[in-house]
N, C-alpha and C. Protein backbone atom coordinates (compact mmCIF):
# COMPACT_ATOMS: atom_id res chain seq x y z
N MET A 1 -13.27 12.87 -19.53
CA MET A 1 -11.88 13.07 -19.12
C MET A 1 -11.01 13.35 -20.35
N ASP A 2 -10.24 14.46 -20.31
CA ASP A 2 -9.39 14.78 -21.46
C ASP A 2 -8.11 13.94 -21.44
N LYS A 3 -7.35 14.01 -22.53
CA LYS A 3 -6.14 13.17 -22.67
C LYS A 3 -5.11 13.46 -21.58
N ARG A 4 -4.95 14.73 -21.26
CA ARG A 4 -3.95 15.12 -20.26
C ARG A 4 -4.27 14.48 -18.91
N GLU A 5 -5.53 14.60 -18.50
CA GLU A 5 -5.95 14.02 -17.22
C GLU A 5 -5.87 12.50 -17.25
N HIS A 6 -6.20 11.93 -18.40
CA HIS A 6 -6.12 10.47 -18.57
C HIS A 6 -4.68 9.99 -18.38
N ILE A 7 -3.74 10.68 -18.97
CA ILE A 7 -2.32 10.30 -18.84
C ILE A 7 -1.87 10.41 -17.38
N ILE A 8 -2.31 11.45 -16.69
CA ILE A 8 -1.96 11.63 -15.28
C ILE A 8 -2.49 10.46 -14.45
N ASP A 9 -3.73 10.06 -14.69
CA ASP A 9 -4.32 8.95 -13.93
C ASP A 9 -3.58 7.64 -14.20
N ILE A 10 -3.20 7.42 -15.44
CA ILE A 10 -2.42 6.22 -15.77
C ILE A 10 -1.06 6.27 -15.09
N ALA A 11 -0.45 7.45 -15.07
CA ALA A 11 0.86 7.61 -14.43
C ALA A 11 0.80 7.27 -12.95
N ILE A 12 -0.26 7.70 -12.27
CA ILE A 12 -0.40 7.39 -10.84
C ILE A 12 -0.40 5.89 -10.61
N ASN A 13 -1.17 5.16 -11.41
CA ASN A 13 -1.24 3.71 -11.27
C ASN A 13 0.12 3.06 -11.52
N LEU A 14 0.82 3.52 -12.55
CA LEU A 14 2.12 2.94 -12.88
C LEU A 14 3.18 3.30 -11.84
N PHE A 15 3.19 4.55 -11.39
CA PHE A 15 4.15 4.95 -10.36
C PHE A 15 3.91 4.17 -9.06
N ALA A 16 2.63 3.91 -8.74
CA ALA A 16 2.30 3.15 -7.53
C ALA A 16 2.76 1.70 -7.65
N GLU A 17 2.67 1.16 -8.86
CA GLU A 17 3.01 -0.25 -9.09
C GLU A 17 4.51 -0.47 -9.30
N LYS A 18 5.13 0.41 -10.12
CA LYS A 18 6.51 0.17 -10.54
C LYS A 18 7.51 1.20 -10.01
N GLY A 19 7.00 2.25 -9.39
CA GLY A 19 7.87 3.32 -8.92
C GLY A 19 8.17 4.32 -10.03
N PHE A 20 8.64 5.50 -9.62
CA PHE A 20 8.96 6.55 -10.60
C PHE A 20 10.09 6.10 -11.52
N GLU A 21 11.17 5.59 -10.93
CA GLU A 21 12.32 5.17 -11.73
C GLU A 21 11.98 3.99 -12.64
N GLY A 22 11.11 3.11 -12.15
CA GLY A 22 10.79 1.92 -12.91
C GLY A 22 9.77 2.12 -14.02
N THR A 23 9.27 3.34 -14.14
CA THR A 23 8.26 3.64 -15.17
C THR A 23 8.88 4.55 -16.23
N SER A 24 8.81 4.13 -17.47
CA SER A 24 9.35 4.95 -18.56
C SER A 24 8.22 5.71 -19.26
N ILE A 25 8.60 6.71 -20.02
CA ILE A 25 7.62 7.44 -20.83
C ILE A 25 6.93 6.49 -21.80
N ARG A 26 7.68 5.53 -22.33
CA ARG A 26 7.07 4.56 -23.24
C ARG A 26 6.04 3.69 -22.51
N ASP A 27 6.35 3.32 -21.27
CA ASP A 27 5.37 2.56 -20.46
C ASP A 27 4.08 3.36 -20.31
N LEU A 28 4.24 4.64 -20.00
CA LEU A 28 3.08 5.51 -19.82
C LEU A 28 2.25 5.61 -21.10
N ALA A 29 2.95 5.82 -22.21
CA ALA A 29 2.27 5.96 -23.49
C ALA A 29 1.50 4.69 -23.85
N THR A 30 2.14 3.54 -23.65
CA THR A 30 1.50 2.26 -23.96
C THR A 30 0.27 2.05 -23.10
N ALA A 31 0.40 2.26 -21.79
CA ALA A 31 -0.73 2.04 -20.87
C ALA A 31 -1.87 3.01 -21.13
N ALA A 32 -1.52 4.24 -21.52
CA ALA A 32 -2.55 5.26 -21.78
C ALA A 32 -3.10 5.18 -23.20
N GLU A 33 -2.51 4.29 -24.01
CA GLU A 33 -2.92 4.10 -25.41
C GLU A 33 -2.79 5.41 -26.20
N VAL A 34 -1.64 6.07 -25.98
CA VAL A 34 -1.29 7.26 -26.77
C VAL A 34 0.15 7.08 -27.23
N ASN A 35 0.62 7.95 -28.11
CA ASN A 35 2.02 7.83 -28.52
C ASN A 35 2.93 8.66 -27.62
N VAL A 36 4.21 8.36 -27.66
CA VAL A 36 5.20 9.03 -26.82
C VAL A 36 5.20 10.54 -27.08
N ALA A 37 5.02 10.90 -28.35
CA ALA A 37 5.03 12.33 -28.71
C ALA A 37 3.93 13.09 -27.98
N MET A 38 2.79 12.45 -27.77
CA MET A 38 1.68 13.12 -27.07
C MET A 38 2.03 13.35 -25.61
N VAL A 39 2.65 12.36 -24.96
CA VAL A 39 3.07 12.53 -23.57
C VAL A 39 4.07 13.68 -23.47
N ASN A 40 5.02 13.71 -24.38
CA ASN A 40 6.02 14.79 -24.38
C ASN A 40 5.39 16.14 -24.69
N TYR A 41 4.38 16.15 -25.55
CA TYR A 41 3.69 17.40 -25.90
C TYR A 41 3.02 18.01 -24.67
N TYR A 42 2.34 17.17 -23.89
CA TYR A 42 1.62 17.68 -22.72
C TYR A 42 2.54 18.02 -21.55
N PHE A 43 3.61 17.24 -21.38
CA PHE A 43 4.40 17.36 -20.15
C PHE A 43 5.89 17.67 -20.36
N GLY A 44 6.47 17.27 -21.47
CA GLY A 44 7.86 17.57 -21.75
C GLY A 44 8.85 16.58 -21.18
N SER A 45 8.57 16.05 -19.98
CA SER A 45 9.46 15.07 -19.35
C SER A 45 8.69 14.33 -18.27
N LYS A 46 9.27 13.25 -17.79
CA LYS A 46 8.63 12.49 -16.72
C LYS A 46 8.57 13.31 -15.44
N GLU A 47 9.61 14.11 -15.18
CA GLU A 47 9.62 14.96 -13.99
C GLU A 47 8.51 16.00 -14.04
N LYS A 48 8.32 16.60 -15.23
CA LYS A 48 7.26 17.60 -15.38
C LYS A 48 5.89 16.95 -15.27
N LEU A 49 5.77 15.70 -15.73
CA LEU A 49 4.52 14.96 -15.56
C LEU A 49 4.23 14.77 -14.08
N PHE A 50 5.26 14.42 -13.31
CA PHE A 50 5.10 14.23 -11.87
C PHE A 50 4.60 15.52 -11.21
N GLU A 51 5.21 16.65 -11.59
CA GLU A 51 4.80 17.93 -11.04
C GLU A 51 3.35 18.26 -11.42
N ALA A 52 2.98 17.97 -12.67
CA ALA A 52 1.62 18.22 -13.14
C ALA A 52 0.63 17.35 -12.38
N MET A 53 1.03 16.12 -12.08
CA MET A 53 0.19 15.21 -11.32
C MET A 53 -0.12 15.78 -9.94
N ILE A 54 0.91 16.30 -9.27
CA ILE A 54 0.73 16.87 -7.93
C ILE A 54 -0.18 18.09 -7.98
N GLU A 55 0.09 18.98 -8.92
CA GLU A 55 -0.71 20.20 -9.05
C GLU A 55 -2.17 19.85 -9.34
N HIS A 56 -2.38 18.90 -10.24
CA HIS A 56 -3.74 18.50 -10.62
C HIS A 56 -4.51 17.94 -9.42
N LYS A 57 -3.87 17.06 -8.66
CA LYS A 57 -4.55 16.40 -7.56
C LYS A 57 -4.72 17.32 -6.35
N SER A 58 -3.78 18.23 -6.14
CA SER A 58 -3.87 19.11 -4.97
C SER A 58 -4.84 20.26 -5.19
N SER A 59 -5.15 20.56 -6.45
CA SER A 59 -6.01 21.72 -6.74
C SER A 59 -7.42 21.52 -6.21
N TYR A 60 -7.92 20.28 -6.20
CA TYR A 60 -9.27 20.03 -5.70
C TYR A 60 -9.37 20.38 -4.22
N ILE A 61 -8.40 19.89 -3.43
CA ILE A 61 -8.42 20.18 -2.00
C ILE A 61 -8.24 21.68 -1.77
N ARG A 62 -7.36 22.31 -2.54
CA ARG A 62 -7.12 23.74 -2.36
C ARG A 62 -8.41 24.54 -2.59
N GLU A 63 -9.13 24.23 -3.65
CA GLU A 63 -10.39 24.93 -3.93
C GLU A 63 -11.40 24.72 -2.80
N SER A 64 -11.46 23.49 -2.27
CA SER A 64 -12.38 23.19 -1.17
C SER A 64 -11.97 23.95 0.09
N LEU A 65 -10.65 23.98 0.36
CA LEU A 65 -10.15 24.69 1.54
C LEU A 65 -10.45 26.19 1.45
N GLU A 66 -10.26 26.75 0.27
CA GLU A 66 -10.52 28.18 0.09
C GLU A 66 -12.00 28.50 0.32
N GLU A 67 -12.86 27.61 -0.16
CA GLU A 67 -14.31 27.81 0.02
C GLU A 67 -14.67 27.74 1.50
N ILE A 68 -14.10 26.76 2.20
CA ILE A 68 -14.37 26.61 3.63
C ILE A 68 -13.84 27.82 4.42
N SER A 69 -12.62 28.23 4.12
CA SER A 69 -11.98 29.29 4.90
C SER A 69 -12.68 30.64 4.76
N THR A 70 -13.36 30.86 3.65
CA THR A 70 -14.04 32.14 3.43
C THR A 70 -15.54 32.09 3.76
N ASP A 71 -15.99 30.96 4.27
CA ASP A 71 -17.41 30.79 4.61
C ASP A 71 -17.71 31.50 5.92
N LYS A 72 -18.39 32.63 5.84
CA LYS A 72 -18.64 33.45 7.03
C LYS A 72 -19.70 32.83 7.95
N SER A 73 -20.41 31.82 7.46
CA SER A 73 -21.43 31.18 8.29
C SER A 73 -20.83 30.15 9.24
N LYS A 74 -19.56 29.80 9.06
CA LYS A 74 -18.91 28.79 9.89
C LYS A 74 -17.97 29.44 10.92
N SER A 75 -17.97 28.88 12.12
CA SER A 75 -17.00 29.29 13.12
C SER A 75 -15.66 28.65 12.78
N GLU A 76 -14.60 29.06 13.49
CA GLU A 76 -13.27 28.50 13.19
C GLU A 76 -13.23 26.99 13.43
N ILE A 77 -13.86 26.52 14.51
CA ILE A 77 -13.81 25.07 14.77
C ILE A 77 -14.66 24.31 13.76
N GLU A 78 -15.73 24.92 13.28
CA GLU A 78 -16.53 24.28 12.23
C GLU A 78 -15.73 24.20 10.93
N LYS A 79 -14.91 25.19 10.68
CA LYS A 79 -14.05 25.16 9.49
C LYS A 79 -13.01 24.04 9.62
N ILE A 80 -12.44 23.88 10.81
CA ILE A 80 -11.49 22.79 11.04
C ILE A 80 -12.17 21.44 10.83
N ASP A 81 -13.37 21.29 11.35
CA ASP A 81 -14.13 20.05 11.16
C ASP A 81 -14.35 19.76 9.67
N ALA A 82 -14.73 20.79 8.93
CA ALA A 82 -14.98 20.62 7.49
C ALA A 82 -13.69 20.27 6.75
N ILE A 83 -12.58 20.88 7.15
CA ILE A 83 -11.28 20.59 6.54
C ILE A 83 -10.89 19.14 6.79
N ILE A 84 -11.11 18.66 8.01
CA ILE A 84 -10.81 17.26 8.34
C ILE A 84 -11.62 16.32 7.45
N GLU A 85 -12.90 16.61 7.29
CA GLU A 85 -13.76 15.77 6.44
C GLU A 85 -13.26 15.73 5.01
N ILE A 86 -12.87 16.89 4.49
CA ILE A 86 -12.36 16.97 3.12
C ILE A 86 -11.08 16.15 2.97
N TYR A 87 -10.15 16.35 3.88
CA TYR A 87 -8.86 15.66 3.79
C TYR A 87 -9.02 14.15 3.91
N VAL A 88 -9.77 13.69 4.88
CA VAL A 88 -9.94 12.24 5.05
C VAL A 88 -10.60 11.63 3.83
N SER A 89 -11.68 12.21 3.37
CA SER A 89 -12.39 11.66 2.22
C SER A 89 -11.52 11.65 0.98
N ARG A 90 -10.82 12.74 0.74
CA ARG A 90 -10.00 12.84 -0.48
C ARG A 90 -8.79 11.92 -0.42
N LEU A 91 -8.10 11.91 0.72
CA LEU A 91 -6.88 11.12 0.80
C LEU A 91 -7.17 9.62 0.77
N LEU A 92 -8.26 9.20 1.39
CA LEU A 92 -8.61 7.77 1.33
C LEU A 92 -9.00 7.36 -0.09
N SER A 93 -9.72 8.23 -0.79
CA SER A 93 -10.15 7.88 -2.15
C SER A 93 -8.99 7.95 -3.15
N GLU A 94 -7.93 8.69 -2.81
CA GLU A 94 -6.77 8.85 -3.69
C GLU A 94 -5.52 8.22 -3.08
N TYR A 95 -5.69 7.08 -2.42
CA TYR A 95 -4.58 6.51 -1.65
C TYR A 95 -3.39 6.12 -2.52
N LYS A 96 -3.62 5.69 -3.76
CA LYS A 96 -2.49 5.33 -4.62
C LYS A 96 -1.62 6.55 -4.91
N TYR A 97 -2.25 7.66 -5.17
CA TYR A 97 -1.53 8.90 -5.43
C TYR A 97 -0.68 9.30 -4.23
N HIS A 98 -1.25 9.22 -3.05
CA HIS A 98 -0.51 9.63 -1.85
C HIS A 98 0.61 8.65 -1.53
N ARG A 99 0.43 7.40 -1.88
CA ARG A 99 1.51 6.43 -1.69
C ARG A 99 2.69 6.78 -2.62
N VAL A 100 2.38 7.17 -3.83
CA VAL A 100 3.42 7.59 -4.78
C VAL A 100 4.20 8.79 -4.21
N LEU A 101 3.47 9.77 -3.67
CA LEU A 101 4.12 10.95 -3.10
C LEU A 101 5.06 10.58 -1.96
N HIS A 102 4.58 9.76 -1.06
CA HIS A 102 5.39 9.41 0.11
C HIS A 102 6.61 8.58 -0.28
N THR A 103 6.45 7.72 -1.26
CA THR A 103 7.59 6.94 -1.75
C THR A 103 8.65 7.88 -2.30
N GLU A 104 8.23 8.87 -3.08
CA GLU A 104 9.16 9.83 -3.66
C GLU A 104 9.85 10.65 -2.57
N LEU A 105 9.10 11.07 -1.57
CA LEU A 105 9.66 11.92 -0.52
C LEU A 105 10.63 11.16 0.39
N MET A 106 10.53 9.83 0.40
CA MET A 106 11.44 9.02 1.21
C MET A 106 12.82 8.90 0.57
N LEU A 107 12.89 9.18 -0.72
CA LEU A 107 14.16 9.04 -1.45
C LEU A 107 15.00 10.31 -1.30
N GLN A 108 16.31 10.16 -1.46
CA GLN A 108 17.22 11.28 -1.29
C GLN A 108 17.45 12.06 -2.59
N GLY A 109 17.18 11.44 -3.72
CA GLY A 109 17.43 12.10 -5.00
C GLY A 109 16.31 13.04 -5.40
N ARG A 110 16.49 13.68 -6.56
CA ARG A 110 15.48 14.55 -7.16
C ARG A 110 14.95 15.60 -6.18
N MET A 111 15.85 16.34 -5.56
CA MET A 111 15.44 17.34 -4.58
C MET A 111 14.59 18.43 -5.21
N ASN A 112 14.77 18.64 -6.52
CA ASN A 112 13.95 19.65 -7.19
C ASN A 112 12.48 19.25 -7.15
N ILE A 113 12.21 17.95 -7.29
CA ILE A 113 10.82 17.48 -7.21
C ILE A 113 10.30 17.64 -5.78
N HIS A 114 11.15 17.35 -4.80
CA HIS A 114 10.75 17.52 -3.40
C HIS A 114 10.37 18.97 -3.13
N GLU A 115 11.15 19.89 -3.67
CA GLU A 115 10.87 21.31 -3.47
C GLU A 115 9.56 21.71 -4.14
N ASP A 116 9.29 21.14 -5.32
CA ASP A 116 8.03 21.42 -6.01
C ASP A 116 6.84 20.88 -5.22
N ILE A 117 7.00 19.68 -4.66
CA ILE A 117 5.94 19.09 -3.85
C ILE A 117 5.67 19.98 -2.64
N ALA A 118 6.73 20.41 -1.97
CA ALA A 118 6.59 21.26 -0.79
C ALA A 118 5.91 22.59 -1.14
N ALA A 119 6.28 23.17 -2.27
CA ALA A 119 5.71 24.46 -2.67
C ALA A 119 4.22 24.35 -2.94
N ILE A 120 3.82 23.27 -3.59
CA ILE A 120 2.41 23.08 -3.92
C ILE A 120 1.59 22.85 -2.65
N PHE A 121 2.11 22.01 -1.75
CA PHE A 121 1.36 21.70 -0.54
C PHE A 121 1.38 22.84 0.47
N SER A 122 2.36 23.72 0.37
CA SER A 122 2.43 24.84 1.30
C SER A 122 1.24 25.78 1.11
N ARG A 123 0.69 25.82 -0.10
CA ARG A 123 -0.48 26.67 -0.34
C ARG A 123 -1.67 26.18 0.47
N ASN A 124 -1.87 24.86 0.47
CA ASN A 124 -2.97 24.30 1.25
C ASN A 124 -2.73 24.47 2.75
N ARG A 125 -1.49 24.26 3.16
CA ARG A 125 -1.13 24.41 4.58
C ARG A 125 -1.39 25.84 5.04
N GLU A 126 -1.11 26.81 4.18
CA GLU A 126 -1.27 28.21 4.56
C GLU A 126 -2.74 28.54 4.82
N ILE A 127 -3.64 27.96 4.04
CA ILE A 127 -5.08 28.18 4.25
C ILE A 127 -5.49 27.64 5.62
N MET A 128 -5.05 26.42 5.95
CA MET A 128 -5.36 25.83 7.25
C MET A 128 -4.74 26.66 8.39
N ARG A 129 -3.51 27.11 8.16
CA ARG A 129 -2.81 27.92 9.17
C ARG A 129 -3.59 29.19 9.46
N ASN A 130 -4.13 29.83 8.43
CA ASN A 130 -4.89 31.07 8.60
C ASN A 130 -6.14 30.85 9.45
N VAL A 131 -6.79 29.69 9.27
CA VAL A 131 -7.99 29.38 10.06
C VAL A 131 -7.61 29.24 11.53
N ILE A 132 -6.54 28.51 11.80
CA ILE A 132 -6.10 28.31 13.19
C ILE A 132 -5.67 29.64 13.81
N GLU A 133 -4.93 30.44 13.07
CA GLU A 133 -4.47 31.73 13.61
C GLU A 133 -5.65 32.67 13.88
N ALA A 134 -6.69 32.59 13.03
CA ALA A 134 -7.89 33.42 13.26
C ALA A 134 -8.56 33.00 14.56
N GLY A 135 -8.62 31.69 14.82
CA GLY A 135 -9.21 31.20 16.07
C GLY A 135 -8.41 31.62 17.28
N ILE A 136 -7.07 31.62 17.15
CA ILE A 136 -6.20 32.07 18.26
C ILE A 136 -6.41 33.56 18.51
N LYS A 137 -6.48 34.33 17.45
CA LYS A 137 -6.64 35.78 17.57
C LYS A 137 -7.96 36.14 18.25
N LYS A 138 -9.00 35.36 17.95
CA LYS A 138 -10.32 35.60 18.57
C LYS A 138 -10.39 35.01 19.98
N LYS A 139 -9.33 34.32 20.39
CA LYS A 139 -9.24 33.65 21.69
C LYS A 139 -10.25 32.51 21.83
N VAL A 140 -10.69 32.01 20.68
CA VAL A 140 -11.52 30.81 20.66
C VAL A 140 -10.61 29.59 20.78
N PHE A 141 -9.43 29.68 20.17
CA PHE A 141 -8.44 28.61 20.23
C PHE A 141 -7.34 28.95 21.23
N LYS A 142 -6.72 27.91 21.78
CA LYS A 142 -5.55 28.08 22.63
C LYS A 142 -4.38 28.58 21.79
N LYS A 143 -3.32 29.03 22.45
CA LYS A 143 -2.12 29.48 21.75
C LYS A 143 -1.27 28.26 21.38
N VAL A 144 -1.73 27.55 20.36
CA VAL A 144 -1.05 26.34 19.92
C VAL A 144 -0.05 26.69 18.81
N ASP A 145 0.76 25.72 18.45
CA ASP A 145 1.65 25.84 17.31
C ASP A 145 0.85 25.46 16.06
N PRO A 146 0.48 26.42 15.21
CA PRO A 146 -0.36 26.11 14.06
C PRO A 146 0.24 25.08 13.11
N ASP A 147 1.54 25.21 12.86
CA ASP A 147 2.19 24.31 11.90
C ASP A 147 2.19 22.87 12.39
N LEU A 148 2.54 22.67 13.65
CA LEU A 148 2.57 21.31 14.19
C LEU A 148 1.16 20.77 14.43
N SER A 149 0.20 21.65 14.63
CA SER A 149 -1.19 21.22 14.74
C SER A 149 -1.66 20.63 13.42
N ILE A 150 -1.31 21.30 12.34
CA ILE A 150 -1.65 20.80 11.00
C ILE A 150 -0.94 19.47 10.75
N ALA A 151 0.35 19.41 11.12
CA ALA A 151 1.12 18.18 10.92
C ALA A 151 0.51 17.02 11.69
N SER A 152 -0.04 17.28 12.87
CA SER A 152 -0.65 16.22 13.68
C SER A 152 -1.88 15.66 12.99
N ILE A 153 -2.67 16.52 12.38
CA ILE A 153 -3.88 16.07 11.69
C ILE A 153 -3.53 15.30 10.43
N ILE A 154 -2.73 15.92 9.57
CA ILE A 154 -2.38 15.28 8.30
C ILE A 154 -1.52 14.04 8.53
N GLY A 155 -0.64 14.10 9.54
CA GLY A 155 0.23 12.96 9.83
C GLY A 155 -0.55 11.72 10.24
N THR A 156 -1.64 11.92 10.99
CA THR A 156 -2.47 10.78 11.39
C THR A 156 -3.11 10.13 10.17
N ILE A 157 -3.60 10.96 9.26
CA ILE A 157 -4.21 10.41 8.03
C ILE A 157 -3.15 9.68 7.22
N ASN A 158 -1.99 10.28 7.08
CA ASN A 158 -0.92 9.66 6.30
C ASN A 158 -0.49 8.32 6.88
N GLN A 159 -0.51 8.20 8.19
CA GLN A 159 -0.10 6.96 8.83
C GLN A 159 -0.98 5.78 8.40
N VAL A 160 -2.29 6.02 8.30
CA VAL A 160 -3.18 4.93 7.91
C VAL A 160 -3.15 4.67 6.41
N LEU A 161 -2.57 5.62 5.65
CA LEU A 161 -2.48 5.44 4.21
C LEU A 161 -1.23 4.67 3.79
N LEU A 162 -0.25 4.56 4.68
CA LEU A 162 1.05 3.99 4.31
C LEU A 162 0.93 2.57 3.79
N SER A 163 0.17 1.74 4.47
CA SER A 163 -0.02 0.37 3.99
C SER A 163 -1.26 -0.23 4.62
N LYS A 164 -1.93 -1.09 3.88
CA LYS A 164 -3.13 -1.74 4.38
C LYS A 164 -2.82 -2.64 5.58
N PRO A 165 -1.75 -3.48 5.53
CA PRO A 165 -1.43 -4.32 6.68
C PRO A 165 -1.13 -3.52 7.95
N MET A 166 -0.39 -2.40 7.80
CA MET A 166 -0.07 -1.57 8.96
C MET A 166 -1.34 -0.96 9.55
N CYS A 167 -2.23 -0.51 8.69
CA CYS A 167 -3.47 0.08 9.18
C CYS A 167 -4.31 -0.97 9.91
N LYS A 168 -4.37 -2.19 9.36
CA LYS A 168 -5.11 -3.28 10.02
C LYS A 168 -4.56 -3.52 11.42
N LEU A 169 -3.24 -3.50 11.53
CA LEU A 169 -2.59 -3.73 12.82
C LEU A 169 -2.92 -2.62 13.81
N ILE A 170 -2.85 -1.37 13.34
CA ILE A 170 -3.07 -0.22 14.21
C ILE A 170 -4.50 -0.21 14.75
N VAL A 171 -5.47 -0.45 13.86
CA VAL A 171 -6.88 -0.32 14.27
C VAL A 171 -7.52 -1.66 14.62
N LYS A 172 -6.72 -2.74 14.60
CA LYS A 172 -7.16 -4.06 15.03
C LYS A 172 -8.40 -4.55 14.27
N GLU A 173 -8.28 -4.56 12.95
CA GLU A 173 -9.36 -5.07 12.10
C GLU A 173 -8.96 -6.43 11.53
N ASP A 174 -9.93 -7.14 10.94
CA ASP A 174 -9.65 -8.49 10.42
C ASP A 174 -8.99 -8.42 9.05
N LYS A 175 -8.64 -9.58 8.50
CA LYS A 175 -7.86 -9.65 7.26
C LYS A 175 -8.59 -9.11 6.04
N ASN A 176 -9.91 -9.07 6.09
CA ASN A 176 -10.69 -8.57 4.95
C ASN A 176 -10.91 -7.06 4.98
N PHE A 177 -10.41 -6.43 6.02
CA PHE A 177 -10.62 -4.98 6.18
C PHE A 177 -9.84 -4.19 5.14
N ASN A 178 -10.50 -3.22 4.51
CA ASN A 178 -9.85 -2.33 3.56
C ASN A 178 -10.06 -0.89 4.01
N PRO A 179 -9.04 -0.26 4.58
CA PRO A 179 -9.22 1.09 5.14
C PRO A 179 -9.57 2.14 4.11
N TYR A 180 -9.28 1.85 2.84
CA TYR A 180 -9.49 2.86 1.80
C TYR A 180 -10.93 2.91 1.30
N THR A 181 -11.69 1.85 1.56
CA THR A 181 -13.07 1.80 1.06
C THR A 181 -14.10 1.59 2.16
N ASP A 182 -13.66 1.33 3.38
CA ASP A 182 -14.57 1.03 4.48
C ASP A 182 -15.17 2.33 5.03
N GLU A 183 -16.47 2.53 4.82
CA GLU A 183 -17.14 3.76 5.23
C GLU A 183 -17.16 3.92 6.74
N ALA A 184 -17.29 2.81 7.45
CA ALA A 184 -17.31 2.88 8.92
C ALA A 184 -15.96 3.35 9.45
N PHE A 185 -14.88 2.88 8.81
CA PHE A 185 -13.55 3.32 9.23
C PHE A 185 -13.34 4.80 8.91
N LYS A 186 -13.79 5.23 7.75
CA LYS A 186 -13.67 6.64 7.38
C LYS A 186 -14.36 7.52 8.42
N LYS A 187 -15.56 7.11 8.82
CA LYS A 187 -16.30 7.86 9.83
C LYS A 187 -15.56 7.83 11.17
N ARG A 188 -14.99 6.67 11.50
CA ARG A 188 -14.22 6.53 12.74
C ARG A 188 -13.02 7.48 12.75
N LEU A 189 -12.31 7.54 11.63
CA LEU A 189 -11.13 8.40 11.51
C LEU A 189 -11.50 9.87 11.61
N ILE A 190 -12.57 10.26 10.91
CA ILE A 190 -13.03 11.66 10.95
C ILE A 190 -13.42 12.05 12.37
N THR A 191 -14.18 11.18 13.03
CA THR A 191 -14.62 11.46 14.41
C THR A 191 -13.43 11.61 15.34
N HIS A 192 -12.46 10.71 15.21
CA HIS A 192 -11.27 10.75 16.05
C HIS A 192 -10.50 12.05 15.85
N LEU A 193 -10.29 12.44 14.60
CA LEU A 193 -9.53 13.66 14.32
C LEU A 193 -10.26 14.90 14.80
N LYS A 194 -11.57 14.92 14.70
CA LYS A 194 -12.34 16.05 15.21
C LYS A 194 -12.21 16.14 16.74
N GLN A 195 -12.27 14.98 17.40
CA GLN A 195 -12.13 14.97 18.85
C GLN A 195 -10.75 15.50 19.26
N LEU A 196 -9.71 15.04 18.54
CA LEU A 196 -8.36 15.53 18.81
C LEU A 196 -8.26 17.03 18.60
N ALA A 197 -8.80 17.50 17.48
CA ALA A 197 -8.72 18.93 17.15
C ALA A 197 -9.45 19.77 18.18
N HIS A 198 -10.64 19.33 18.59
CA HIS A 198 -11.42 20.08 19.57
C HIS A 198 -10.67 20.17 20.91
N SER A 199 -10.13 19.02 21.34
CA SER A 199 -9.41 18.97 22.61
C SER A 199 -8.14 19.83 22.56
N HIS A 200 -7.47 19.77 21.41
CA HIS A 200 -6.20 20.48 21.25
C HIS A 200 -6.39 21.98 21.07
N LEU A 201 -7.43 22.37 20.34
CA LEU A 201 -7.56 23.77 19.93
C LEU A 201 -8.44 24.61 20.83
N LEU A 202 -9.58 24.08 21.25
CA LEU A 202 -10.60 24.92 21.88
C LEU A 202 -10.24 25.33 23.30
N ASN A 203 -10.45 26.61 23.57
CA ASN A 203 -10.37 27.09 24.94
C ASN A 203 -11.60 26.63 25.70
N ASN A 204 -11.41 26.12 26.88
CA ASN A 204 -12.56 25.67 27.69
C ASN A 204 -13.27 26.85 28.36
């Protein structure tokens, strides 16, 4: 792992623990065991670090989505299934990062960061939208609203990521349950989302 990626990973942990406002560049430098000048060299400001964090973390899913969407051996519904698997696995394994994003998006300030977040995620959304529209055009899928279909899938995943206690309540698990590491729950979530997608999208 290079220094830039290391600083980003430390930033995610600190932002999740102390919030964006509560974390200073000096805090980041100390936790990452680098000097302040190095953080400024790579990112220039805390806001630019936040943007770099989003771009870095979203690029993995984008590359996976692009690979899935161009796979001629898969049908449109198989592509949707593969996309669901990618999103669930990635978002559960990166739950601290997604908690940081949602905390930021709940705030009214820093609209420039909100716009940057939206721009980065719109690229991934567009890939998913193209898959759904291709299925509609082939009449394999119903004439659904592609954008809200995507929101339904991602929104369900986001709901279980918001907090461990809330997820326990929703899925009725015991106090030792950890939704972010429980493989049985991950499989349950993937299966549920695929069932929803099939029912919602496929023409009978």
